[in-house]
Protein backbone atom coordinates (compact mmCIF):
# COMPACT_ATOMS: atom_id res chain seq x y z
CA UNK A 1 -11.25 13.28 -231.17
CA UNK A 2 -12.59 11.47 -234.30
CA UNK A 3 -12.72 13.37 -237.52
CA UNK A 4 -14.09 11.37 -240.52
CA UNK A 5 -12.83 11.69 -244.11
CA UNK A 6 -16.39 11.96 -245.46
CA UNK A 7 -19.85 10.25 -245.10
CA UNK A 8 -18.70 7.09 -246.80
CA UNK A 9 -15.76 6.66 -244.27
CA UNK A 10 -18.19 7.43 -241.46
CA UNK A 11 -20.66 4.82 -242.60
CA UNK A 12 -17.94 2.16 -243.00
CA UNK A 13 -16.77 2.80 -239.45
CA UNK A 14 -20.36 2.82 -238.03
CA UNK A 15 -20.98 -0.49 -239.83
CA UNK A 16 -18.26 -2.08 -237.94
CA UNK A 17 -19.79 -1.01 -234.61
CA UNK A 18 -23.13 -2.64 -235.84
CA UNK A 19 -21.51 -5.81 -236.91
CA UNK A 20 -23.83 -7.95 -234.59
CA UNK A 21 -26.82 -7.17 -236.92
CA UNK A 22 -25.09 -8.56 -240.01
CA UNK A 23 -27.13 -11.13 -241.91
CA UNK A 24 -30.20 -10.66 -239.73
CA UNK A 25 -33.28 -10.84 -242.17
CA UNK A 26 -35.31 -8.86 -239.56
CA UNK A 27 -33.07 -5.75 -239.87
CA UNK A 28 -34.10 -2.64 -241.81
CA UNK A 29 -31.88 0.38 -242.08
CA UNK A 30 -33.53 3.72 -242.29
CA UNK A 31 -31.71 6.93 -243.25
CA UNK A 32 -32.48 10.59 -242.45
CA UNK A 33 -32.19 12.26 -245.82
CA UNK A 34 -30.19 13.84 -247.30
CA UNK A 35 -26.89 13.63 -245.40
CA UNK A 36 -27.71 10.49 -243.52
CA UNK A 37 -28.12 8.39 -246.79
CA UNK A 38 -24.53 8.06 -247.79
CA UNK A 39 -23.77 6.99 -244.22
CA UNK A 40 -26.70 4.55 -244.09
CA UNK A 41 -25.87 3.07 -247.47
CA UNK A 42 -22.50 1.80 -246.22
CA UNK A 43 -24.29 0.43 -243.07
CA UNK A 44 -27.05 -1.47 -245.02
CA UNK A 45 -24.44 -2.75 -247.53
CA UNK A 46 -22.22 -4.15 -244.68
CA UNK A 47 -25.22 -5.70 -242.94
CA UNK A 48 -26.81 -6.98 -245.96
CA UNK A 49 -30.06 -5.19 -245.01
CA UNK A 50 -32.75 -3.22 -246.83
CA UNK A 51 -32.39 0.55 -246.95
CA UNK A 52 -35.15 3.08 -246.91
CA UNK A 53 -35.49 6.76 -245.95
CA UNK A 54 -37.40 8.35 -242.97
CA UNK A 55 -38.21 11.81 -244.37
CA UNK A 56 -38.18 14.52 -241.68
CA UNK A 57 -37.99 18.26 -241.95
CA UNK A 58 -36.43 20.63 -239.51
CA UNK A 59 -38.59 23.62 -238.31
CA UNK A 60 -36.27 26.56 -238.35
CA UNK A 61 -36.92 29.69 -236.29
CA UNK A 62 -38.36 32.53 -238.50
CA UNK A 63 -35.30 34.73 -239.32
CA UNK A 64 -32.92 32.18 -237.87
CA UNK A 65 -33.60 29.15 -240.06
CA UNK A 66 -30.47 27.19 -238.79
CA UNK A 67 -31.87 27.21 -235.29
CA UNK A 68 -34.40 24.35 -234.85
CA UNK A 69 -37.52 25.02 -233.03
CA UNK A 70 -38.75 21.52 -233.83
CA UNK A 71 -39.21 19.06 -236.70
CA UNK A 72 -41.97 17.28 -238.52
CA UNK A 73 -42.08 13.70 -240.06
CA UNK A 74 -44.29 11.54 -242.23
CA UNK A 75 -47.62 10.56 -240.70
CA UNK A 76 -48.23 14.06 -239.19
CA UNK A 77 -45.70 13.75 -236.56
CA UNK A 78 -44.50 17.07 -235.08
CA UNK A 79 -41.88 17.48 -232.32
CA UNK A 80 -41.34 20.98 -230.91
CA UNK A 81 -38.46 22.30 -228.77
CA UNK A 82 -40.78 24.25 -226.27
CA UNK A 83 -37.76 25.71 -224.67
CA UNK A 84 -36.80 27.61 -227.89
CA UNK A 85 -40.40 28.41 -228.66
CA UNK A 86 -40.97 29.94 -225.31
CA UNK A 87 -37.62 31.70 -225.06
CA UNK A 88 -38.11 33.50 -228.41
CA UNK A 89 -41.84 33.92 -227.88
CA UNK A 90 -42.58 32.55 -231.35
CA UNK A 91 -46.27 33.14 -232.17
CA UNK A 92 -48.37 30.05 -233.22
CA UNK A 93 -49.15 31.69 -236.63
CA UNK A 94 -45.36 31.84 -237.36
CA UNK A 95 -45.05 28.20 -236.40
CA UNK A 96 -47.93 27.10 -238.60
CA UNK A 97 -46.49 28.96 -241.61
CA UNK A 98 -43.15 27.09 -241.10
CA UNK A 99 -44.78 23.80 -240.69
CA UNK A 100 -46.82 24.21 -243.85
CA UNK A 101 -43.80 25.21 -245.86
CA UNK A 102 -41.80 22.33 -244.59
CA UNK A 103 -44.63 19.83 -245.16
CA UNK A 104 -44.73 20.61 -248.83
CA UNK A 105 -41.02 19.90 -249.04
CA UNK A 106 -41.35 16.72 -247.10
CA UNK A 107 -44.04 15.53 -249.40
CA UNK A 108 -41.92 16.40 -252.53
CA UNK A 109 -38.97 14.52 -251.09
CA UNK A 110 -41.14 11.34 -250.36
CA UNK A 111 -42.41 11.39 -253.85
CA UNK A 112 -38.88 12.03 -255.38
CA UNK A 113 -36.97 9.43 -253.21
CA UNK A 114 -39.51 6.57 -253.31
CA UNK A 115 -41.22 6.99 -256.59
CA UNK A 116 -43.82 4.29 -256.89
CA UNK A 117 -41.94 2.20 -254.28
CA UNK A 118 -43.72 1.77 -251.05
CA UNK A 119 -42.19 2.09 -247.54
CA UNK A 120 -40.22 -0.73 -246.06
CA UNK A 121 -42.36 -2.68 -243.49
CA UNK A 122 -41.40 -1.53 -240.04
CA UNK A 123 -43.76 -3.40 -237.76
CA UNK A 124 -42.00 -6.20 -235.87
CA UNK A 125 -38.69 -5.37 -237.48
CA UNK A 126 -35.30 -4.29 -235.96
CA UNK A 127 -34.79 -0.71 -237.14
CA UNK A 128 -31.37 0.97 -237.39
CA UNK A 129 -32.09 4.78 -237.76
CA UNK A 130 -28.93 6.42 -239.23
CA UNK A 131 -27.97 10.12 -239.78
CA UNK A 132 -24.51 11.73 -240.34
CA UNK A 133 -24.69 13.31 -236.89
CA UNK A 134 -26.93 14.78 -234.36
CA UNK A 135 -26.67 18.41 -232.96
CA UNK A 136 -29.98 19.55 -231.35
CA UNK A 137 -31.71 16.28 -231.97
CA UNK A 138 -34.97 17.75 -233.08
CA UNK A 139 -34.96 15.99 -236.48
CA UNK A 140 -34.06 12.64 -234.99
CA UNK A 141 -36.63 12.85 -232.30
CA UNK A 142 -39.38 13.49 -234.89
CA UNK A 143 -38.24 10.42 -236.90
CA UNK A 144 -38.06 8.30 -233.67
CA UNK A 145 -41.69 9.30 -232.87
CA UNK A 146 -42.84 8.41 -236.33
CA UNK A 147 -41.10 5.04 -236.18
CA UNK A 148 -42.46 4.13 -232.85
CA UNK A 149 -46.01 4.58 -234.10
CA UNK A 150 -45.32 1.61 -236.48
CA UNK A 151 -44.33 -0.68 -233.66
CA UNK A 152 -40.86 -1.94 -234.38
CA UNK A 153 -39.43 -4.86 -232.51
CA UNK A 154 -36.36 -2.80 -231.59
CA UNK A 155 -35.24 0.73 -232.47
CA UNK A 156 -31.55 1.46 -232.72
CA UNK A 157 -30.08 4.99 -233.41
CA UNK A 158 -26.75 4.84 -234.95
CA UNK A 159 -24.70 7.91 -235.83
CA UNK A 160 -21.00 8.73 -236.36
CA UNK A 161 -21.02 11.81 -234.14
CA UNK A 162 -23.32 13.66 -231.82
CA UNK A 163 -23.41 16.30 -229.12
CA UNK A 164 -23.08 14.52 -225.72
CA UNK A 165 -26.19 15.92 -224.12
CA UNK A 166 -28.23 15.22 -227.15
CA UNK A 167 -26.82 11.70 -227.32
CA UNK A 168 -27.90 11.13 -223.73
CA UNK A 169 -31.43 12.44 -224.38
CA UNK A 170 -31.92 10.31 -227.53
CA UNK A 171 -30.57 7.28 -225.57
CA UNK A 172 -33.68 7.53 -223.24
CA UNK A 173 -36.02 7.35 -226.25
CA UNK A 174 -34.72 4.23 -227.90
CA UNK A 175 -33.70 0.67 -227.24
CA UNK A 176 -30.09 1.42 -228.08
CA UNK A 177 -27.87 4.29 -229.13
CA UNK A 178 -24.58 3.69 -231.06
CA UNK A 179 -22.51 6.79 -231.43
CA UNK A 180 -18.74 6.69 -232.39
CA UNK A 181 -17.80 10.08 -231.17
CA UNK A 182 -19.08 12.76 -228.79
CA UNK A 183 -16.71 15.62 -228.92
CA UNK A 184 -17.19 18.69 -226.76
CA UNK A 185 -17.74 21.61 -227.46
CA UNK A 186 -19.85 20.20 -230.31
CA UNK A 187 -20.41 23.30 -232.49
CA UNK A 188 -21.87 21.54 -235.60
CA UNK A 189 -21.95 18.14 -237.30
CA UNK A 190 -19.88 19.31 -240.25
CA UNK A 191 -16.97 20.23 -237.97
CA UNK A 192 -16.18 16.52 -237.46
CA UNK A 193 -15.87 15.73 -241.21
CA UNK A 194 -13.00 16.77 -243.60
CA UNK A 195 -15.38 16.63 -246.44
CA UNK A 196 -19.05 17.74 -245.80
CA UNK A 197 -20.52 18.89 -248.93
CA UNK A 198 -24.34 18.94 -249.33
CA UNK A 199 -25.83 15.57 -250.48
CA UNK A 200 -27.90 16.14 -253.57
CA UNK A 201 -31.26 14.58 -254.31
CA UNK A 202 -29.88 12.71 -257.22
CA UNK A 203 -27.19 11.22 -254.97
CA UNK A 204 -29.95 10.01 -252.58
CA UNK A 205 -32.09 8.36 -255.36
CA UNK A 206 -28.99 6.69 -256.80
CA UNK A 207 -27.87 5.27 -253.45
CA UNK A 208 -31.40 3.93 -252.72
CA UNK A 209 -31.39 2.22 -256.19
CA UNK A 210 -28.08 0.70 -255.66
CA UNK A 211 -29.08 -0.53 -252.15
CA UNK A 212 -32.28 -2.05 -253.62
CA UNK A 213 -30.40 -3.89 -256.37
CA UNK A 214 -27.80 -5.07 -253.89
CA UNK A 215 -30.58 -6.67 -251.64
CA UNK A 216 -32.17 -8.38 -254.78
CA UNK A 217 -28.86 -9.88 -255.78
CA UNK A 218 -28.44 -11.11 -252.18
CA UNK A 219 -31.84 -12.78 -252.24
């Protein structure tokens, strides 16, 4: 059973599993912020690839915000967990209110993380989509849907840890799934890290800037 020291350690181990992509000019690493960025930074640095973010927001059940009923991503992508919605009989009005709240935060994060910089070009690229782990998969599935709209050549999802059933579900939606550990019972992503503090916005922007400078020096 693999337990990672922290997100940096997880990213370094994940990069080793992705070594075949090193030095490929067609590769772009995308991170799910915030927790996925420190992991993806180590991957991008090892592969000498550009790093960008795919901003996605979980849609938490009203009154149980940790339970995901779906997720939204850039470009008006929405993925719903119909099983949760139907089981809890969540009314459409309540869903719409959560969507609007999270859309505001999604747009704020896009402005904060990118500033005046545009998105990395995805069309025709090999995309490696990274997070620090996957539990329900709602956030990751929204990101996958958003990326597919932009016609990548290949879409690889890479995570240090994931729930086994979710990992199998995601595998069916992408070209390749790379996951280092699928412990059971899964419980939560943070259980498989010794240090799992919340990643701050300023850490995200600093890592994105460092990655951009690293790519420029490599050029």
